[in-house]
Amino acid sequence: MVIAPRKTTPEADDRSAERAAAEDSRAAQAYRLKMLREFQRHMANKNYPLAARQRGEEGAVMLVFEFKRDGKLAGIAIKRTSGFKALDDHALAQAKTFRFPPVDDRLRKRSNLLIELQVDYTLREE
């Protein structure tokens, strides 16, 4: 018995590519949520920067983490500043000490994986 290769149409190839892209997107979102939960836990034990607290500085720092194909961290950068150097520096320093969860194998197919996380600094009345 001879089995002939299955012929595909351009439409079938497009649907297959769309399904793969959707799966990659879901995997990236799941990894981002896992990373966010673990990063929030990591940051919960960190003190508010004293100088920023004394000056009443509040804000949000948007960090971007870039992972190489092998799942290793390539770099961390500030995408959007809080407007305060002390808060930005603190967020970056804490990100550098964070132990990242392993990158899902499905995401390693990408050339690089970028994950954005926001770090919020809000003073509370004591």
PDB file of N, CA and C in Angstrom:
ATOM      1  N   MET A   1       0.843  -1.169   0.000  1.00  0.00           N
ATOM      2  CA  MET A   1       0.000   0.000   0.000  1.00  0.00           C
ATOM      3  C   MET A   1       0.894   1.239   0.000  1.00  0.00           C
ATOM      4  N   VAL A   2       0.571   2.190  -0.834  1.00  0.00           N
ATOM      5  CA  VAL A   2       1.307   3.437  -0.923  1.00  0.00           C
ATOM      6  C   VAL A   2       0.428   4.536  -0.348  1.00  0.00           C
ATOM      7  N   ILE A   3       1.019   5.306   0.533  1.00  0.00           N
ATOM      8  CA  ILE A   3       0.274   6.417   1.126  1.00  0.00           C
ATOM      9  C   ILE A   3       0.806   7.696   0.510  1.00  0.00           C
ATOM     10  N   ALA A   4      -0.071   8.399  -0.145  1.00  0.00           N
ATOM     11  CA  ALA A   4       0.315   9.653  -0.783  1.00  0.00           C
ATOM     12  C   ALA A   4       0.273  10.766   0.241  1.00  0.00           C
ATOM     13  N   PRO A   5       1.178  11.732   0.120  1.00  0.00           N
ATOM     14  CA  PRO A   5       1.131  12.861   1.052  1.00  0.00           C
ATOM     15  C   PRO A   5      -0.177  13.623   0.908  1.00  0.00           C
ATOM     16  N   ARG A   6      -0.648  14.096   2.033  1.00  0.00           N
ATOM     17  CA  ARG A   6      -1.900  14.851   2.042  1.00  0.00           C
ATOM     18  C   ARG A   6      -1.661  16.206   1.414  1.00  0.00           C
ATOM     19  N   LYS A   7      -2.528  16.558   0.494  1.00  0.00           N
ATOM     20  CA  LYS A   7      -2.414  17.862  -0.147  1.00  0.00           C
ATOM     21  C   LYS A   7      -3.111  18.897   0.725  1.00  0.00           C
ATOM     22  N   THR A   8      -2.483  20.044   0.828  1.00  0.00           N
ATOM     23  CA  THR A   8      -3.105  21.123   1.593  1.00  0.00           C
ATOM     24  C   THR A   8      -3.369  22.292   0.675  1.00  0.00           C
ATOM     25  N   THR A   9      -4.313  23.078   1.076  1.00  0.00           N
ATOM     26  CA  THR A   9      -4.642  24.281   0.323  1.00  0.00           C
ATOM     27  C   THR A   9      -4.048  25.479   1.052  1.00  0.00           C
ATOM     28  N   PRO A  10      -3.880  26.585   0.359  1.00  0.00           N
ATOM     29  CA  PRO A  10      -3.383  27.787   1.050  1.00  0.00           C
ATOM     30  C   PRO A  10      -4.278  28.183   2.222  1.00  0.00           C
ATOM     31  N   GLU A  11      -5.597  27.963   2.082  1.00  0.00           N
ATOM     32  CA  GLU A  11      -6.521  28.301   3.162  1.00  0.00           C
ATOM     33  C   GLU A  11      -6.272  27.420   4.384  1.00  0.00           C
ATOM     34  N   ALA A  12      -6.009  26.131   4.155  1.00  0.00           N
ATOM     35  CA  ALA A  12      -5.725  25.222   5.267  1.00  0.00           C
ATOM     36  C   ALA A  12      -4.415  25.600   5.943  1.00  0.00           C
ATOM     37  N   ASP A  13      -3.423  25.974   5.147  1.00  0.00           N
ATOM     38  CA  ASP A  13      -2.145  26.415   5.709  1.00  0.00           C
ATOM     39  C   ASP A  13      -2.329  27.676   6.555  1.00  0.00           C
ATOM     40  N   ASP A  14      -3.163  28.600   6.067  1.00  0.00           N
ATOM     41  CA  ASP A  14      -3.436  29.837   6.811  1.00  0.00           C
ATOM     42  C   ASP A  14      -4.125  29.528   8.136  1.00  0.00           C
ATOM     43  N   ARG A  15      -5.112  28.617   8.114  1.00  0.00           N
ATOM     44  CA  ARG A  15      -5.817  28.258   9.347  1.00  0.00           C
ATOM     45  C   ARG A  15      -4.873  27.594  10.340  1.00  0.00           C
ATOM     46  N   SER A  16      -3.996  26.756   9.825  1.00  0.00           N
ATOM     47  CA  SER A  16      -3.017  26.092  10.682  1.00  0.00           C
ATOM     48  C   SER A  16      -2.077  27.118  11.321  1.00  0.00           C
ATOM     49  N   ALA A  17      -1.637  28.070  10.544  1.00  0.00           N
ATOM     50  CA  ALA A  17      -0.756  29.128  11.063  1.00  0.00           C
ATOM     51  C   ALA A  17      -1.492  29.980  12.089  1.00  0.00           C
ATOM     52  N   GLU A  18      -2.766  30.267  11.840  1.00  0.00           N
ATOM     53  CA  GLU A  18      -3.560  31.048  12.791  1.00  0.00           C
ATOM     54  C   GLU A  18      -3.729  30.302  14.101  1.00  0.00           C
ATOM     55  N   ARG A  19      -3.982  28.980  14.029  1.00  0.00           N
ATOM     56  CA  ARG A  19      -4.119  28.173  15.248  1.00  0.00           C
ATOM     57  C   ARG A  19      -2.816  28.162  16.037  1.00  0.00           C
ATOM     58  N   ALA A  20      -1.686  28.010  15.338  1.00  0.00           N
ATOM     59  CA  ALA A  20      -0.387  28.000  16.012  1.00  0.00           C
ATOM     60  C   ALA A  20      -0.117  29.347  16.667  1.00  0.00           C
ATOM     61  N   ALA A  21      -0.456  30.432  15.981  1.00  0.00           N
ATOM     62  CA  ALA A  21      -0.251  31.771  16.544  1.00  0.00           C
ATOM     63  C   ALA A  21      -1.136  31.974  17.774  1.00  0.00           C
ATOM     64  N   ALA A  22      -2.367  31.471  17.720  1.00  0.00           N
ATOM     65  CA  ALA A  22      -3.281  31.599  18.865  1.00  0.00           C
ATOM     66  C   ALA A  22      -2.754  30.806  20.055  1.00  0.00           C
ATOM     67  N   GLU A  23      -2.226  29.595  19.790  1.00  0.00           N
ATOM     68  CA  GLU A  23      -1.653  28.788  20.869  1.00  0.00           C
ATOM     69  C   GLU A  23      -0.443  29.480  21.489  1.00  0.00           C
ATOM     70  N   ASP A  24       0.416  30.057  20.636  1.00  0.00           N
ATOM     71  CA  ASP A  24       1.579  30.799  21.136  1.00  0.00           C
ATOM     72  C   ASP A  24       1.132  31.982  21.982  1.00  0.00           C
ATOM     73  N   SER A  25       0.097  32.667  21.527  1.00  0.00           N
ATOM     74  CA  SER A  25      -0.408  33.827  22.256  1.00  0.00           C
ATOM     75  C   SER A  25      -0.949  33.413  23.619  1.00  0.00           C
ATOM     76  N   ARG A  26      -1.690  32.299  23.671  1.00  0.00           N
ATOM     77  CA  ARG A  26      -2.212  31.801  24.946  1.00  0.00           C
ATOM     78  C   ARG A  26      -1.076  31.373  25.868  1.00  0.00           C
ATOM     79  N   ALA A  27      -0.060  30.735  25.303  1.00  0.00           N
ATOM     80  CA  ALA A  27       1.090  30.304  26.110  1.00  0.00           C
ATOM     81  C   ALA A  27       1.832  31.517  26.657  1.00  0.00           C
ATOM     82  N   ALA A  28       1.993  32.551  25.836  1.00  0.00           N
ATOM     83  CA  ALA A  28       2.672  33.772  26.280  1.00  0.00           C
ATOM     84  C   ALA A  28       1.872  34.458  27.380  1.00  0.00           C
ATOM     85  N   GLN A  29       0.552  34.502  27.229  1.00  0.00           N
ATOM     86  CA  GLN A  29      -0.308  35.127  28.239  1.00  0.00           C
ATOM     87  C   GLN A  29      -0.253  34.343  29.550  1.00  0.00           C
ATOM     88  N   ALA A  30      -0.271  33.017  29.457  1.00  0.00           N
ATOM     89  CA  ALA A  30      -0.207  32.186  30.664  1.00  0.00           C
ATOM     90  C   ALA A  30       1.131  32.390  31.375  1.00  0.00           C
ATOM     91  N   TYR A  31       2.212  32.474  30.606  1.00  0.00           N
ATOM     92  CA  TYR A  31       3.526  32.689  31.212  1.00  0.00           C
ATOM     93  C   TYR A  31       3.586  34.071  31.856  1.00  0.00           C
ATOM     94  N   ARG A  32       3.033  35.071  31.174  1.00  0.00           N
ATOM     95  CA  ARG A  32       3.030  36.434  31.717  1.00  0.00           C
ATOM     96  C   ARG A  32       2.278  36.478  33.046  1.00  0.00           C
ATOM     97  N   LEU A  33       1.131  35.815  33.126  1.00  0.00           N
ATOM     98  CA  LEU A  33       0.348  35.807  34.368  1.00  0.00           C
ATOM     99  C   LEU A  33       1.099  35.089  35.492  1.00  0.00           C
ATOM    100  N   LYS A  34       1.737  33.977  35.148  1.00  0.00           N
ATOM    101  CA  LYS A  34       2.527  33.251  36.153  1.00  0.00           C
ATOM    102  C   LYS A  34       3.674  34.116  36.650  1.00  0.00           C
ATOM    103  N   MET A  35       4.353  34.762  35.715  1.00  0.00           N
ATOM    104  CA  MET A  35       5.465  35.631  36.080  1.00  0.00           C
ATOM    105  C   MET A  35       4.974  36.806  36.925  1.00  0.00           C
ATOM    106  N   LEU A  36       3.847  37.379  36.557  1.00  0.00           N
ATOM    107  CA  LEU A  36       3.275  38.500  37.294  1.00  0.00           C
ATOM    108  C   LEU A  36       2.956  38.104  38.735  1.00  0.00           C
ATOM    109  N   ARG A  37       2.307  36.950  38.926  1.00  0.00           N
ATOM    110  CA  ARG A  37       1.980  36.498  40.284  1.00  0.00           C
ATOM    111  C   ARG A  37       3.249  36.308  41.115  1.00  0.00           C
ATOM    112  N   GLU A  38       4.238  35.667  40.534  1.00  0.00           N
ATOM    113  CA  GLU A  38       5.475  35.414  41.275  1.00  0.00           C
ATOM    114  C   GLU A  38       6.250  36.708  41.526  1.00  0.00           C
ATOM    115  N   PHE A  39       6.225  37.622  40.570  1.00  0.00           N
ATOM    116  CA  PHE A  39       6.925  38.899  40.751  1.00  0.00           C
ATOM    117  C   PHE A  39       6.235  39.731  41.824  1.00  0.00           C
ATOM    118  N   GLN A  40       4.900  39.712  41.853  1.00  0.00           N
ATOM    119  CA  GLN A  40       4.171  40.438  42.893  1.00  0.00           C
ATOM    120  C   GLN A  40       4.502  39.876  44.269  1.00  0.00           C
ATOM    121  N   ARG A  41       4.593  38.551  44.360  1.00  0.00           N
ATOM    122  CA  ARG A  41       4.981  37.919  45.620  1.00  0.00           C
ATOM    123  C   ARG A  41       6.399  38.348  46.014  1.00  0.00           C
ATOM    124  N   HIS A  42       7.284  38.394  45.049  1.00  0.00           N
ATOM    125  CA  HIS A  42       8.667  38.826  45.272  1.00  0.00           C
ATOM    126  C   HIS A  42       8.697  40.280  45.780  1.00  0.00           C
ATOM    127  N   MET A  43       7.908  41.138  45.161  1.00  0.00           N
ATOM    128  CA  MET A  43       7.907  42.566  45.517  1.00  0.00           C
ATOM    129  C   MET A  43       7.184  42.831  46.835  1.00  0.00           C
ATOM    130  N   ALA A  44       6.290  41.948  47.247  1.00  0.00           N
ATOM    131  CA  ALA A  44       5.519  42.165  48.483  1.00  0.00           C
ATOM    132  C   ALA A  44       6.416  42.233  49.704  1.00  0.00           C
ATOM    133  N   ASN A  45       7.554  41.590  49.648  1.00  0.00           N
ATOM    134  CA  ASN A  45       8.476  41.575  50.784  1.00  0.00           C
ATOM    135  C   ASN A  45       9.512  42.688  50.731  1.00  0.00           C
ATOM    136  N   LYS A  46       9.429  43.527  49.744  1.00  0.00           N
ATOM    137  CA  LYS A  46      10.421  44.597  49.583  1.00  0.00           C
ATOM    138  C   LYS A  46       9.901  45.896  50.183  1.00  0.00           C
ATOM    139  N   ASN A  47      10.794  46.633  50.798  1.00  0.00           N
ATOM    140  CA  ASN A  47      10.426  47.910  51.398  1.00  0.00           C
ATOM    141  C   ASN A  47      10.308  48.991  50.339  1.00  0.00           C
ATOM    142  N   TYR A  48       9.400  49.909  50.583  1.00  0.00           N
ATOM    143  CA  TYR A  48       9.259  51.104  49.737  1.00  0.00           C
ATOM    144  C   TYR A  48      10.563  51.881  49.878  1.00  0.00           C
ATOM    145  N   PRO A  49      11.122  52.410  48.805  1.00  0.00           N
ATOM    146  CA  PRO A  49      12.365  53.178  48.939  1.00  0.00           C
ATOM    147  C   PRO A  49      12.189  54.325  49.934  1.00  0.00           C
ATOM    148  N   LEU A  50      13.046  54.360  50.940  1.00  0.00           N
ATOM    149  CA  LEU A  50      12.903  55.313  52.043  1.00  0.00           C
ATOM    150  C   LEU A  50      12.882  56.760  51.562  1.00  0.00           C
ATOM    151  N   ALA A  51      13.832  57.140  50.716  1.00  0.00           N
ATOM    152  CA  ALA A  51      13.893  58.530  50.237  1.00  0.00           C
ATOM    153  C   ALA A  51      12.615  58.901  49.482  1.00  0.00           C
ATOM    154  N   ALA A  52      12.102  57.977  48.670  1.00  0.00           N
ATOM    155  CA  ALA A  52      10.867  58.226  47.916  1.00  0.00           C
ATOM    156  C   ALA A  52       9.683  58.357  48.869  1.00  0.00           C
ATOM    157  N   ARG A  53       9.659  57.519  49.907  1.00  0.00           N
ATOM    158  CA  ARG A  53       8.584  57.586  50.909  1.00  0.00           C
ATOM    159  C   ARG A  53       8.606  58.947  51.603  1.00  0.00           C
ATOM    160  N   GLN A  54       9.789  59.384  52.001  1.00  0.00           N
ATOM    161  CA  GLN A  54       9.926  60.660  52.712  1.00  0.00           C
ATOM    162  C   GLN A  54       9.492  61.834  51.845  1.00  0.00           C
ATOM    163  N   ARG A  55       9.707  61.727  50.544  1.00  0.00           N
ATOM    164  CA  ARG A  55       9.311  62.811  49.624  1.00  0.00           C
ATOM    165  C   ARG A  55       7.870  62.658  49.132  1.00  0.00           C
ATOM    166  N   GLY A  56       7.204  61.576  49.527  1.00  0.00           N
ATOM    167  CA  GLY A  56       5.813  61.362  49.105  1.00  0.00           C
ATOM    168  C   GLY A  56       5.677  60.966  47.645  1.00  0.00           C
ATOM    169  N   GLU A  57       6.700  60.344  47.081  1.00  0.00           N
ATOM    170  CA  GLU A  57       6.676  59.968  45.668  1.00  0.00           C
ATOM    171  C   GLU A  57       5.876  58.680  45.459  1.00  0.00           C
ATOM    172  N   GLU A  58       5.003  58.724  44.466  1.00  0.00           N
ATOM    173  CA  GLU A  58       4.204  57.568  44.064  1.00  0.00           C
ATOM    174  C   GLU A  58       4.238  57.475  42.550  1.00  0.00           C
ATOM    175  N   GLY A  59       4.041  56.279  42.045  1.00  0.00           N
ATOM    176  CA  GLY A  59       4.006  56.132  40.589  1.00  0.00           C
ATOM    177  C   GLY A  59       4.035  54.683  40.178  1.00  0.00           C
ATOM    178  N   ALA A  60       4.066  54.472  38.867  1.00  0.00           N
ATOM    179  CA  ALA A  60       4.104  53.122  38.295  1.00  0.00           C
ATOM    180  C   ALA A  60       5.246  53.054  37.291  1.00  0.00           C
ATOM    181  N   VAL A  61       6.023  51.995  37.403  1.00  0.00           N
ATOM    182  CA  VAL A  61       7.151  51.756  36.497  1.00  0.00           C
ATOM    183  C   VAL A  61       6.782  50.571  35.613  1.00  0.00           C
ATOM    184  N   MET A  62       6.870  50.741  34.309  1.00  0.00           N
ATOM    185  CA  MET A  62       6.624  49.630  33.384  1.00  0.00           C
ATOM    186  C   MET A  62       7.973  49.052  32.982  1.00  0.00           C
ATOM    187  N   LEU A  63       8.174  47.787  33.362  1.00  0.00           N
ATOM    188  CA  LEU A  63       9.412  47.095  33.018  1.00  0.00           C
ATOM    189  C   LEU A  63       9.160  46.163  31.845  1.00  0.00           C
ATOM    190  N   VAL A  64      10.176  45.966  31.025  1.00  0.00           N
ATOM    191  CA  VAL A  64      10.089  44.984  29.948  1.00  0.00           C
ATOM    192  C   VAL A  64      11.243  44.003  30.123  1.00  0.00           C
ATOM    193  N   PHE A  65      10.882  42.719  30.112  1.00  0.00           N
ATOM    194  CA  PHE A  65      11.837  41.637  30.265  1.00  0.00           C
ATOM    195  C   PHE A  65      11.959  40.945  28.913  1.00  0.00           C
ATOM    196  N   GLU A  66      13.187  40.751  28.458  1.00  0.00           N
ATOM    197  CA  GLU A  66      13.411  40.068  27.187  1.00  0.00           C
ATOM    198  C   GLU A  66      14.106  38.736  27.455  1.00  0.00           C
ATOM    199  N   PHE A  67      13.513  37.672  26.921  1.00  0.00           N
ATOM    200  CA  PHE A  67      14.067  36.331  27.075  1.00  0.00           C
ATOM    201  C   PHE A  67      14.556  35.836  25.722  1.00  0.00           C
ATOM    202  N   LYS A  68      15.712  35.183  25.727  1.00  0.00           N
ATOM    203  CA  LYS A  68      16.265  34.586  24.518  1.00  0.00           C
ATOM    204  C   LYS A  68      15.538  33.281  24.218  1.00  0.00           C
ATOM    205  N   ARG A  69      15.821  32.712  23.051  1.00  0.00           N
ATOM    206  CA  ARG A  69      15.171  31.464  22.639  1.00  0.00           C
ATOM    207  C   ARG A  69      15.430  30.325  23.610  1.00  0.00           C
ATOM    208  N   ASP A  70      16.576  30.355  24.285  1.00  0.00           N
ATOM    209  CA  ASP A  70      16.892  29.268  25.220  1.00  0.00           C
ATOM    210  C   ASP A  70      16.192  29.448  26.568  1.00  0.00           C
ATOM    211  N   GLY A  71      15.396  30.520  26.694  1.00  0.00           N
ATOM    212  CA  GLY A  71      14.650  30.759  27.923  1.00  0.00           C
ATOM    213  C   GLY A  71      15.396  31.591  28.941  1.00  0.00           C
ATOM    214  N   LYS A  72      16.632  31.942  28.637  1.00  0.00           N
ATOM    215  CA  LYS A  72      17.417  32.753  29.564  1.00  0.00           C
ATOM    216  C   LYS A  72      17.093  34.229  29.375  1.00  0.00           C
ATOM    217  N   LEU A  73      17.193  34.956  30.463  1.00  0.00           N
ATOM    218  CA  LEU A  73      16.915  36.388  30.433  1.00  0.00           C
ATOM    219  C   LEU A  73      17.995  37.112  29.631  1.00  0.00           C
ATOM    220  N   ALA A  74      17.585  37.891  28.647  1.00  0.00           N
ATOM    221  CA  ALA A  74      18.521  38.670  27.832  1.00  0.00           C
ATOM    222  C   ALA A  74      18.701  40.069  28.415  1.00  0.00           C
ATOM    223  N   GLY A  75      17.648  40.594  29.033  1.00  0.00           N
ATOM    224  CA  GLY A  75      17.758  41.933  29.594  1.00  0.00           C
ATOM    225  C   GLY A  75      16.469  42.434  30.211  1.00  0.00           C
ATOM    226  N   ILE A  76      16.622  43.474  31.008  1.00  0.00           N
ATOM    227  CA  ILE A  76      15.487  44.151  31.652  1.00  0.00           C
ATOM    228  C   ILE A  76      15.668  45.635  31.388  1.00  0.00           C
ATOM    229  N   ALA A  77      14.596  46.293  31.028  1.00  0.00           N
ATOM    230  CA  ALA A  77      14.662  47.730  30.777  1.00  0.00           C
ATOM    231  C   ALA A  77      13.391  48.396  31.289  1.00  0.00           C
ATOM    232  N   ILE A  78      13.491  49.688  31.507  1.00  0.00           N
ATOM    233  CA  ILE A  78      12.316  50.482  31.879  1.00  0.00           C
ATOM    234  C   ILE A  78      11.665  50.959  30.597  1.00  0.00           C
ATOM    235  N   LYS A  79      10.428  50.555  30.396  1.00  0.00           N
ATOM    236  CA  LYS A  79       9.686  50.991  29.211  1.00  0.00           C
ATOM    237  C   LYS A  79       9.004  52.332  29.478  1.00  0.00           C
ATOM    238  N   ARG A  80       8.468  52.472  30.708  1.00  0.00           N
ATOM    239  CA  ARG A  80       7.816  53.737  31.081  1.00  0.00           C
ATOM    240  C   ARG A  80       8.219  54.065  32.506  1.00  0.00           C
ATOM    241  N   THR A  81       8.757  55.222  32.699  1.00  0.00           N
ATOM    242  CA  THR A  81       9.220  55.660  34.007  1.00  0.00           C
ATOM    243  C   THR A  81       8.060  56.087  34.903  1.00  0.00           C
ATOM    244  N   SER A  82       8.301  56.017  36.192  1.00  0.00           N
ATOM    245  CA  SER A  82       7.316  56.498  37.158  1.00  0.00           C
ATOM    246  C   SER A  82       7.374  58.011  37.273  1.00  0.00           C
ATOM    247  N   GLY A  83       8.476  58.567  36.782  1.00  0.00           N
ATOM    248  CA  GLY A  83       8.709  59.996  36.938  1.00  0.00           C
ATOM    249  C   GLY A  83       9.632  60.294  38.113  1.00  0.00           C
ATOM    250  N   PHE A  84      10.002  59.238  38.840  1.00  0.00           N
ATOM    251  CA  PHE A  84      10.870  59.404  40.008  1.00  0.00           C
ATOM    252  C   PHE A  84      12.020  58.402  39.934  1.00  0.00           C
ATOM    253  N   LYS A  85      13.229  58.911  39.937  1.00  0.00           N
ATOM    254  CA  LYS A  85      14.417  58.072  39.800  1.00  0.00           C
ATOM    255  C   LYS A  85      14.492  57.005  40.894  1.00  0.00           C
ATOM    256  N   ALA A  86      14.172  57.362  42.124  1.00  0.00           N
ATOM    257  CA  ALA A  86      14.262  56.399  43.231  1.00  0.00           C
ATOM    258  C   ALA A  86      13.333  55.204  43.005  1.00  0.00           C
ATOM    259  N   LEU A  87      12.118  55.449  42.510  1.00  0.00           N
ATOM    260  CA  LEU A  87      11.172  54.365  42.256  1.00  0.00           C
ATOM    261  C   LEU A  87      11.625  53.522  41.062  1.00  0.00           C
ATOM    262  N   ASP A  88      12.079  54.195  40.012  1.00  0.00           N
ATOM    263  CA  ASP A  88      12.558  53.471  38.833  1.00  0.00           C
ATOM    264  C   ASP A  88      13.753  52.584  39.184  1.00  0.00           C
ATOM    265  N   ASP A  89      14.706  53.153  39.916  1.00  0.00           N
ATOM    266  CA  ASP A  89      15.897  52.387  40.303  1.00  0.00           C
ATOM    267  C   ASP A  89      15.532  51.195  41.191  1.00  0.00           C
ATOM    268  N   HIS A  90      14.610  51.405  42.113  1.00  0.00           N
ATOM    269  CA  HIS A  90      14.184  50.332  43.010  1.00  0.00           C
ATOM    270  C   HIS A  90      13.525  49.197  42.229  1.00  0.00           C
ATOM    271  N   ALA A  91      12.618  49.539  41.315  1.00  0.00           N
ATOM    272  CA  ALA A  91      11.928  48.518  40.515  1.00  0.00           C
ATOM    273  C   ALA A  91      12.933  47.712  39.693  1.00  0.00           C
ATOM    274  N   LEU A  92      13.873  48.398  39.084  1.00  0.00           N
ATOM    275  CA  LEU A  92      14.884  47.723  38.269  1.00  0.00           C
ATOM    276  C   LEU A  92      15.778  46.826  39.125  1.00  0.00           C
ATOM    277  N   ALA A  93      16.195  47.319  40.278  1.00  0.00           N
ATOM    278  CA  ALA A  93      17.055  46.530  41.174  1.00  0.00           C
ATOM    279  C   ALA A  93      16.321  45.275  41.653  1.00  0.00           C
ATOM    280  N   GLN A  94      15.036  45.407  41.993  1.00  0.00           N
ATOM    281  CA  GLN A  94      14.268  44.252  42.463  1.00  0.00           C
ATOM    282  C   GLN A  94      14.045  43.251  41.330  1.00  0.00           C
ATOM    283  N   ALA A  95      13.836  43.755  40.127  1.00  0.00           N
ATOM    284  CA  ALA A  95      13.651  42.867  38.972  1.00  0.00           C
ATOM    285  C   ALA A  95      14.914  42.048  38.724  1.00  0.00           C
ATOM    286  N   LYS A  96      16.062  42.643  38.960  1.00  0.00           N
ATOM    287  CA  LYS A  96      17.332  41.944  38.718  1.00  0.00           C
ATOM    288  C   LYS A  96      17.577  40.833  39.738  1.00  0.00           C
ATOM    289  N   THR A  97      16.920  40.874  40.893  1.00  0.00           N
ATOM    290  CA  THR A  97      17.097  39.821  41.896  1.00  0.00           C
ATOM    291  C   THR A  97      15.991  38.768  41.826  1.00  0.00           C
ATOM    292  N   PHE A  98      15.038  38.954  40.937  1.00  0.00           N
ATOM    293  CA  PHE A  98      13.895  38.049  40.804  1.00  0.00           C
ATOM    294  C   PHE A  98      14.310  36.757  40.112  1.00  0.00           C
ATOM    295  N   ARG A  99      13.854  35.622  40.652  1.00  0.00           N
ATOM    296  CA  ARG A  99      14.109  34.317  40.031  1.00  0.00           C
ATOM    297  C   ARG A  99      12.917  33.994  39.133  1.00  0.00           C
ATOM    298  N   PHE A 100      13.150  34.021  37.848  1.00  0.00           N
ATOM    299  CA  PHE A 100      12.084  33.859  36.871  1.00  0.00           C
ATOM    300  C   PHE A 100      11.638  32.411  36.753  1.00  0.00           C
ATOM    301  N   PRO A 101      10.322  32.201  36.580  1.00  0.00           N
ATOM    302  CA  PRO A 101       9.860  30.836  36.322  1.00  0.00           C
ATOM    303  C   PRO A 101      10.387  30.378  34.961  1.00  0.00           C
ATOM    304  N   PRO A 102      10.586  29.078  34.775  1.00  0.00           N
ATOM    305  CA  PRO A 102      11.089  28.588  33.480  1.00  0.00           C
ATOM    306  C   PRO A 102      10.143  28.978  32.343  1.00  0.00           C
ATOM    307  N   VAL A 103      10.719  29.320  31.216  1.00  0.00           N
ATOM    308  CA  VAL A 103       9.925  29.689  30.038  1.00  0.00           C
ATOM    309  C   VAL A 103       9.378  28.407  29.411  1.00  0.00           C
ATOM    310  N   ASP A 104       8.098  28.422  29.098  1.00  0.00           N
ATOM    311  CA  ASP A 104       7.416  27.294  28.472  1.00  0.00           C
ATOM    312  C   ASP A 104       8.101  26.944  27.140  1.00  0.00           C
ATOM    313  N   ASP A 105       8.250  25.654  26.885  1.00  0.00           N
ATOM    314  CA  ASP A 105       8.903  25.194  25.652  1.00  0.00           C
ATOM    315  C   ASP A 105       8.237  25.746  24.394  1.00  0.00           C
ATOM    316  N   ARG A 106       6.900  25.902  24.422  1.00  0.00           N
ATOM    317  CA  ARG A 106       6.201  26.430  23.237  1.00  0.00           C
ATOM    318  C   ARG A 106       6.647  27.837  22.902  1.00  0.00           C
ATOM    319  N   LEU A 107       7.095  28.588  23.920  1.00  0.00           N
ATOM    320  CA  LEU A 107       7.497  29.974  23.690  1.00  0.00           C
ATOM    321  C   LEU A 107       8.930  30.078  23.197  1.00  0.00           C
ATOM    322  N   ARG A 108       9.681  29.016  23.323  1.00  0.00           N
ATOM    323  CA  ARG A 108      11.084  29.052  22.907  1.00  0.00           C
ATOM    324  C   ARG A 108      11.235  29.044  21.393  1.00  0.00           C
ATOM    325  N   LYS A 109      10.149  28.799  20.674  1.00  0.00           N
ATOM    326  CA  LYS A 109      10.201  28.823  19.206  1.00  0.00           C
ATOM    327  C   LYS A 109      10.358  30.254  18.694  1.00  0.00           C
ATOM    328  N   ARG A 110       9.944  31.192  19.488  1.00  0.00           N
ATOM    329  CA  ARG A 110      10.008  32.596  19.080  1.00  0.00           C
ATOM    330  C   ARG A 110      11.458  33.052  19.048  1.00  0.00           C
ATOM    331  N   SER A 111      11.722  34.095  18.304  1.00  0.00           N
ATOM    332  CA  SER A 111      13.088  34.616  18.289  1.00  0.00           C
ATOM    333  C   SER A 111      13.426  35.171  19.665  1.00  0.00           C
ATOM    334  N   ASN A 112      12.610  36.009  20.204  1.00  0.00           N
ATOM    335  CA  ASN A 112      12.756  36.522  21.566  1.00  0.00           C
ATOM    336  C   ASN A 112      11.360  36.706  22.140  1.00  0.00           C
ATOM    337  N   LEU A 113      11.261  36.617  23.445  1.00  0.00           N
ATOM    338  CA  LEU A 113       9.986  36.781  24.129  1.00  0.00           C
ATOM    339  C   LEU A 113      10.086  38.045  24.976  1.00  0.00           C
ATOM    340  N   LEU A 114       9.145  38.948  24.798  1.00  0.00           N
ATOM    341  CA  LEU A 114       9.098  40.176  25.589  1.00  0.00           C
ATOM    342  C   LEU A 114       7.896  40.108  26.519  1.00  0.00           C
ATOM    343  N   ILE A 115       8.137  40.374  27.793  1.00  0.00           N
ATOM    344  CA  ILE A 115       7.079  40.398  28.795  1.00  0.00           C
ATOM    345  C   ILE A 115       7.140  41.747  29.498  1.00  0.00           C
ATOM    346  N   GLU A 116       6.012  42.429  29.559  1.00  0.00           N
ATOM    347  CA  GLU A 116       5.934  43.713  30.264  1.00  0.00           C
ATOM    348  C   GLU A 116       5.208  43.522  31.585  1.00  0.00           C
ATOM    349  N   LEU A 117       5.773  44.112  32.636  1.00  0.00           N
ATOM    350  CA  LEU A 117       5.145  44.085  33.952  1.00  0.00           C
ATOM    351  C   LEU A 117       5.192  45.481  34.550  1.00  0.00           C
ATOM    352  N   GLN A 118       4.118  45.853  35.197  1.00  0.00           N
ATOM    353  CA  GLN A 118       4.056  47.155  35.853  1.00  0.00           C
ATOM    354  C   GLN A 118       4.276  46.989  37.347  1.00  0.00           C
ATOM    355  N   VAL A 119       5.110  47.862  37.900  1.00  0.00           N
ATOM    356  CA  VAL A 119       5.360  47.885  39.341  1.00  0.00           C
ATOM    357  C   VAL A 119       4.732  49.171  39.873  1.00  0.00           C
ATOM    358  N   ASP A 120       3.754  49.025  40.762  1.00  0.00           N
ATOM    359  CA  ASP A 120       3.043  50.178  41.324  1.00  0.00           C
ATOM    360  C   ASP A 120       3.608  50.531  42.695  1.00  0.00           C
ATOM    361  N   TYR A 121       3.822  51.801  42.896  1.00  0.00           N
ATOM    362  CA  TYR A 121       4.267  52.317  44.191  1.00  0.00           C
ATOM    363  C   TYR A 121       3.206  53.275  44.707  1.00  0.00           C
ATOM    364  N   THR A 122       2.539  52.878  45.781  1.00  0.00           N
ATOM    365  CA  THR A 122       1.484  53.696  46.382  1.00  0.00           C
ATOM    366  C   THR A 122       1.728  53.783  47.885  1.00  0.00           C
ATOM    367  N   LEU A 123       1.743  54.993  48.399  1.00  0.00           N
ATOM    368  CA  LEU A 123       1.914  55.194  49.840  1.00  0.00           C
ATOM    369  C   LEU A 123       0.578  54.993  50.529  1.00  0.00           C
ATOM    370  N   ARG A 124       0.638  54.402  51.692  1.00  0.00           N
ATOM    371  CA  ARG A 124      -0.583  54.205  52.497  1.00  0.00           C
ATOM    372  C   ARG A 124      -0.446  55.028  53.755  1.00  0.00           C
ATOM    373  N   GLU A 125      -1.566  55.524  54.202  1.00  0.00           N
ATOM    374  CA  GLU A 125      -1.583  56.263  55.486  1.00  0.00           C
ATOM    375  C   GLU A 125      -1.321  55.292  56.613  1.00  0.00           C
ATOM    376  N   GLU A 126      -0.451  55.638  57.533  1.00  0.00           N
ATOM    377  CA  GLU A 126      -0.161  54.753  58.668  1.00  0.00           C
ATOM    378  C   GLU A 126      -0.523  55.408  59.966  1.00  0.00           C
TER     379      GLU A 126
END
